[in-house]
Amino acid sequence: MKLGTYLQNKREKSGITLKEMERGSGIKRSVIQIIEAGDLTQLPEPKHARFLIRKYADFLNMDAEQTLERFEDEIPDAGTGSQKRNQKSNQDFQYLKKVLLGFITMIVVLFAVWLVLLQIGSQGDIFETKRVYETDEAVTESVAEEEPAPEEEEQPAEDEAEEPAETREEPAAEEEPEPTAEVNFVNREGNTLIYNVTAPEELTIELTGDESSWVSLTDNLENNYLYEESDGGSFDIDPEATVVNLALGNSTSFDISLNGTGIDNSQRGDTVTVYYQFNITRE
């Protein structure tokens, strides 16, 4: 039995739909379908296949390491994604090369046409040169007669004093206080850390990483804010969202804050892959 068929059977026997799998695991439906189809080389980033299989298995309460060991021969090597990127880069280079060659050829043809026209014009006196300032005497005399005599400019009265412009100081605008958030740790279930968050409608989650890691950030309204390898960023959460799910492939290099309130990293310990669940209450 192939890995994709094996995982699909486990999901269907557990009574979990694709929509529930996407929401619970943080994996996009299209990626889930690729995994269950069995061709992991078709993933957007094949080198993250092991990370995605672990997330899939953890959500179904399966032994992820045993599953990976059993289907080791179906897991693509880390170099597969690099090979695909190199192939695409080579195709882009070939396309750019063709465009440049076509552009240079067009310039050469235009230059040749210009030389031919110049040669024909020099033989047939088509391009006769004449100085701009060579005009007939009659035209010069008529222009001189039509020019009016310069009028004397009236000088302003000396007794007119300039009034200084009054400067008005505008009151400085009052700065609005930045929205804050209250974050309280609730408990830990396996690799999942659960927090209760009290915040206004404007809620921003900031992720700061020392190095890139696979990151998935979603909410209960099926909004996908981030689903790729990243070193962090700032994300405005939907005001209607009440649950936000965050998955970090390498949490040891990341710091998390909600409206400037940082998360205590001591709760995750030495765990590398960590899932966060933020239960949000709006003020």
Protein backbone atom coordinates (compact mmCIF):
# COMPACT_ATOMS: atom_id res chain seq x y z
CA MET A 1 0.00 0.00 0.00
CA LYS A 2 1.30 3.44 -0.93
CA LEU A 3 1.79 6.20 1.64
CA GLY A 4 -0.95 8.44 0.17
CA THR A 5 -3.53 5.63 0.15
CA TYR A 6 -2.53 4.64 3.69
CA LEU A 7 -3.01 8.18 5.04
CA GLN A 8 -6.29 8.68 3.16
CA ASN A 9 -7.71 5.44 4.60
CA LYS A 10 -6.71 6.52 8.12
CA ARG A 11 -8.43 9.88 7.67
CA GLU A 12 -11.62 8.42 6.21
CA LYS A 13 -11.83 5.72 8.91
CA SER A 14 -11.55 8.50 11.52
CA GLY A 15 -14.54 10.23 9.88
CA ILE A 16 -12.56 13.41 9.14
CA THR A 17 -13.39 15.39 5.99
CA LEU A 18 -10.88 17.33 3.90
CA LYS A 19 -12.26 20.60 5.27
CA GLU A 20 -11.83 19.42 8.88
CA MET A 21 -8.34 18.14 8.06
CA GLU A 22 -7.36 21.48 6.55
CA ARG A 23 -8.66 23.44 9.53
CA GLY A 24 -7.22 21.15 12.19
CA SER A 25 -3.77 20.46 10.73
CA GLY A 26 -3.15 23.82 9.07
CA ILE A 27 -2.33 22.11 5.74
CA LYS A 28 -4.01 23.49 2.62
CA ARG A 29 -6.58 21.24 0.96
CA SER A 30 -4.64 21.21 -2.32
CA VAL A 31 -1.52 19.99 -0.47
CA ILE A 32 -3.56 17.31 1.38
CA GLN A 33 -4.84 16.04 -1.97
CA ILE A 34 -1.28 15.89 -3.35
CA ILE A 35 -0.15 13.90 -0.29
CA GLU A 36 -3.05 11.45 -0.58
CA ALA A 37 -2.43 11.11 -4.34
CA GLY A 38 0.98 9.69 -3.42
CA ASP A 39 3.30 11.83 -5.61
CA LEU A 40 5.13 13.98 -3.05
CA THR A 41 7.41 15.41 -5.73
CA GLN A 42 4.44 17.53 -6.89
CA LEU A 43 4.40 19.46 -3.58
CA PRO A 44 5.22 23.19 -3.79
CA GLU A 45 8.32 22.45 -1.69
CA PRO A 46 9.13 18.70 -1.80
CA LYS A 47 11.88 19.16 0.80
CA HIS A 48 9.16 19.87 3.41
CA ALA A 49 7.44 16.53 2.78
CA ARG A 50 8.56 15.07 6.14
CA PHE A 51 7.26 18.11 8.03
CA LEU A 52 3.85 17.89 6.30
CA ILE A 53 3.57 14.12 6.90
CA ARG A 54 4.28 14.72 10.62
CA LYS A 55 1.52 17.37 10.82
CA TYR A 56 -0.90 15.05 9.00
CA ALA A 57 -0.08 12.08 11.27
CA ASP A 58 -0.11 14.13 14.49
CA PHE A 59 -3.62 15.39 13.76
CA LEU A 60 -4.82 11.78 13.30
CA ASN A 61 -2.98 10.72 16.52
CA MET A 62 -0.70 8.43 14.49
CA ASP A 63 2.94 7.60 15.16
CA ALA A 64 4.59 10.03 12.70
CA GLU A 65 8.10 8.61 12.98
CA GLN A 66 6.92 5.04 12.45
CA THR A 67 4.94 6.15 9.38
CA LEU A 68 7.95 7.97 7.92
CA GLU A 69 10.20 4.97 8.55
CA ARG A 70 7.71 2.58 6.93
CA PHE A 71 7.38 4.64 3.74
CA GLU A 72 10.94 5.99 3.65
CA ASP A 73 11.41 5.09 -0.02
CA GLU A 74 8.49 7.37 -1.05
CA ILE A 75 9.82 10.50 0.70
CA PRO A 76 11.59 12.77 -1.84
CA ASP A 77 15.17 13.88 -1.18
CA ALA A 78 15.87 17.44 -0.07
CA GLY A 79 17.53 18.11 -3.43
CA THR A 80 14.35 17.49 -5.44
CA GLY A 81 13.00 21.01 -4.86
CA SER A 82 16.38 22.55 -5.72
CA GLN A 83 16.49 20.53 -8.93
CA LYS A 84 13.03 21.81 -9.93
CA ARG A 85 14.03 25.38 -9.16
CA ASN A 86 17.26 25.01 -11.15
CA GLN A 87 15.30 23.63 -14.10
CA LYS A 88 12.87 26.57 -13.98
CA SER A 89 15.77 29.05 -13.69
CA ASN A 90 17.40 27.46 -16.75
CA GLN A 91 14.15 27.80 -18.71
CA ASP A 92 13.85 31.46 -17.69
CA PHE A 93 17.46 32.05 -18.76
CA GLN A 94 16.85 30.48 -22.18
CA TYR A 95 13.73 32.63 -22.66
CA LEU A 96 15.64 35.79 -21.71
CA LYS A 97 18.43 34.81 -24.07
CA LYS A 98 15.95 34.49 -26.96
CA VAL A 99 14.42 37.89 -26.15
CA LEU A 100 17.83 39.59 -26.07
CA LEU A 101 18.89 37.99 -29.36
CA GLY A 102 15.63 39.14 -31.00
CA PHE A 103 16.14 42.68 -29.66
CA ILE A 104 19.73 42.86 -30.92
CA THR A 105 18.66 41.52 -34.33
CA MET A 106 15.96 44.18 -34.60
CA ILE A 107 18.48 46.94 -33.79
CA VAL A 108 20.91 45.65 -36.43
CA VAL A 109 18.15 45.55 -39.07
CA LEU A 110 17.00 49.10 -38.25
CA PHE A 111 20.57 50.34 -38.40
CA ALA A 112 21.06 48.72 -41.82
CA VAL A 113 17.81 50.30 -43.11
CA TRP A 114 18.97 53.70 -41.83
CA LEU A 115 22.31 53.35 -43.65
CA VAL A 116 20.51 52.46 -46.91
CA LEU A 117 18.16 55.44 -46.63
CA LEU A 118 21.09 57.73 -45.85
CA GLN A 119 22.97 56.51 -48.91
CA ILE A 120 19.92 56.99 -51.17
CA GLY A 121 19.24 60.46 -49.77
CA SER A 122 22.83 61.63 -50.28
CA GLN A 123 22.73 60.59 -53.92
CA GLY A 124 19.36 62.20 -54.71
CA ASP A 125 19.71 65.41 -52.59
CA ILE A 126 16.65 64.36 -50.59
CA PHE A 127 18.14 65.57 -47.34
CA GLU A 128 19.10 69.13 -48.25
CA THR A 129 20.64 71.02 -45.37
CA LYS A 130 19.87 74.67 -44.75
CA ARG A 131 20.96 76.84 -41.87
CA VAL A 132 18.18 77.91 -39.59
CA TYR A 133 19.19 81.52 -39.48
CA GLU A 134 19.23 81.99 -43.31
CA THR A 135 16.03 84.01 -44.08
CA ASP A 136 14.94 86.40 -46.81
CA GLU A 137 15.59 90.12 -46.31
CA ALA A 138 11.89 91.01 -46.81
CA VAL A 139 10.83 88.71 -44.00
CA THR A 140 13.48 90.20 -41.73
CA GLU A 141 12.34 93.77 -42.42
CA SER A 142 8.65 92.95 -41.83
CA VAL A 143 9.41 91.33 -38.52
CA ALA A 144 11.43 94.38 -37.44
CA GLU A 145 8.53 96.75 -38.28
CA GLU A 146 6.02 94.68 -36.30
CA GLU A 147 8.09 94.65 -33.11
CA PRO A 148 6.56 97.21 -30.67
CA ALA A 149 8.71 99.61 -28.70
CA PRO A 150 9.47 98.42 -25.18
CA GLU A 151 7.29 100.01 -22.52
CA GLU A 152 8.76 101.44 -19.36
CA GLU A 153 7.85 99.44 -16.33
CA GLU A 154 6.18 101.30 -13.52
CA GLN A 155 8.16 101.15 -10.33
CA PRO A 156 6.19 100.55 -7.17
CA ALA A 157 5.83 103.37 -4.68
CA GLU A 158 8.58 103.50 -2.11
CA ASP A 159 6.16 104.15 0.73
CA GLU A 160 4.44 100.78 0.32
CA ALA A 161 5.64 98.62 3.17
CA GLU A 162 5.46 94.86 3.09
CA GLU A 163 3.46 93.37 5.87
CA PRO A 164 5.10 90.30 7.42
CA ALA A 165 3.09 87.13 7.10
CA GLU A 166 1.61 85.96 10.34
CA THR A 167 2.65 82.52 11.41
CA ARG A 168 0.24 80.42 13.34
CA GLU A 169 1.29 77.47 15.38
CA GLU A 170 -0.99 74.52 14.89
CA PRO A 171 -1.61 72.39 17.95
CA ALA A 172 0.15 69.04 17.83
CA ALA A 173 -2.15 66.13 17.10
CA GLU A 174 -2.70 63.81 20.00
CA GLU A 175 -1.26 60.34 19.41
CA GLU A 176 -3.75 57.55 19.73
CA PRO A 177 -2.68 54.75 22.08
CA GLU A 178 -1.64 51.54 20.33
CA PRO A 179 -3.97 48.57 20.87
CA THR A 180 -2.71 46.06 23.42
CA ALA A 181 -3.48 42.44 24.18
CA GLU A 182 -3.60 40.32 27.34
CA VAL A 183 -2.16 36.84 26.78
CA ASN A 184 -2.55 34.03 29.36
CA PHE A 185 -1.17 30.50 29.06
CA VAL A 186 -3.86 27.82 29.65
CA ASN A 187 -2.27 24.38 29.19
CA ARG A 188 -0.25 22.14 26.91
CA GLU A 189 -1.58 19.15 24.97
CA GLY A 190 1.32 17.27 23.40
CA ASN A 191 3.06 19.72 21.05
CA THR A 192 0.15 22.20 21.19
CA LEU A 193 0.31 25.26 23.49
CA ILE A 194 -3.08 26.85 24.26
CA TYR A 195 -3.47 30.53 25.21
CA ASN A 196 -6.42 32.78 26.05
CA VAL A 197 -6.11 36.23 24.46
CA THR A 198 -8.12 39.35 25.34
CA ALA A 199 -7.67 42.02 22.66
CA PRO A 200 -9.50 44.82 20.81
CA GLU A 201 -10.83 44.35 17.27
CA GLU A 202 -7.43 45.30 15.87
CA LEU A 203 -5.17 42.31 16.55
CA THR A 204 -1.74 41.94 14.96
CA ILE A 205 0.48 38.87 15.33
CA GLU A 206 4.20 39.46 14.81
CA LEU A 207 6.63 36.62 14.09
CA THR A 208 10.39 37.23 14.34
CA GLY A 209 12.77 34.44 13.34
CA ASP A 210 16.56 34.20 13.37
CA GLU A 211 16.35 31.83 10.39
CA SER A 212 13.72 30.63 7.93
CA SER A 213 11.28 27.88 8.95
CA TRP A 214 8.04 26.39 7.65
CA VAL A 215 5.18 28.52 9.05
CA SER A 216 1.39 28.01 8.87
CA LEU A 217 -0.94 30.73 10.24
CA THR A 218 -4.74 30.24 9.92
CA ASP A 219 -7.96 31.04 11.82
CA ASN A 220 -11.37 29.47 12.37
CA LEU A 221 -12.82 31.52 9.47
CA GLU A 222 -10.57 29.59 7.02
CA ASN A 223 -8.29 32.58 6.45
CA ASN A 224 -4.74 31.55 5.48
CA TYR A 225 -2.36 34.36 6.45
CA LEU A 226 0.89 32.46 5.81
CA TYR A 227 1.70 29.01 4.44
CA GLU A 228 5.33 28.85 3.33
CA GLU A 229 8.92 28.95 4.49
CA SER A 230 9.49 32.33 6.13
CA ASP A 231 11.56 34.19 8.71
CA GLY A 232 8.55 36.08 10.10
CA GLY A 233 6.38 39.12 9.48
CA SER A 234 3.40 41.12 10.77
CA PHE A 235 -0.16 39.84 10.16
CA ASP A 236 -3.49 41.62 10.85
CA ILE A 237 -6.06 39.09 12.11
CA ASP A 238 -9.69 39.15 10.92
CA PRO A 239 -11.79 41.03 13.54
CA GLU A 240 -14.40 38.22 13.41
CA ALA A 241 -11.89 35.42 14.11
CA THR A 242 -12.10 33.76 17.55
CA VAL A 243 -9.43 31.06 17.16
CA VAL A 244 -6.00 31.45 15.52
CA ASN A 245 -3.77 28.42 14.81
CA LEU A 246 -0.01 28.78 14.34
CA ALA A 247 2.41 25.99 13.37
CA LEU A 248 6.21 26.48 13.47
CA GLY A 249 8.50 23.89 11.95
CA ASN A 250 11.45 25.22 13.97
CA SER A 251 10.04 27.16 16.91
CA THR A 252 13.40 27.51 18.69
CA SER A 253 14.41 30.36 16.39
CA PHE A 254 11.13 32.34 16.60
CA ASP A 255 9.64 34.97 18.92
CA ILE A 256 5.88 35.65 18.92
CA SER A 257 3.98 38.76 20.04
CA LEU A 258 0.32 39.84 19.90
CA ASN A 259 -0.18 43.63 19.71
CA GLY A 260 3.30 44.00 21.16
CA THR A 261 2.74 41.51 24.02
CA GLY A 262 5.40 38.79 23.78
CA ILE A 263 4.81 35.07 24.36
CA ASP A 264 6.86 33.38 27.08
CA ASN A 265 9.11 30.92 25.22
CA SER A 266 9.74 28.83 28.34
CA GLN A 267 6.44 26.98 27.80
CA ARG A 268 7.69 25.25 24.63
CA GLY A 269 10.85 23.88 26.27
CA ASP A 270 13.18 22.12 23.83
CA THR A 271 10.38 21.12 21.43
CA VAL A 272 11.25 21.97 17.81
CA THR A 273 7.90 21.66 16.03
CA VAL A 274 5.23 23.48 18.08
CA TYR A 275 1.56 24.28 17.44
CA TYR A 276 -0.07 27.32 19.06
CA GLN A 277 -3.80 27.80 19.61
CA PHE A 278 -4.94 31.33 20.55
CA ASN A 279 -8.54 31.58 21.83
CA ILE A 280 -9.48 35.24 21.28
CA THR A 281 -11.97 37.33 23.24
CA ARG A 282 -12.66 40.80 21.82
CA GLU A 283 -13.02 43.75 24.17
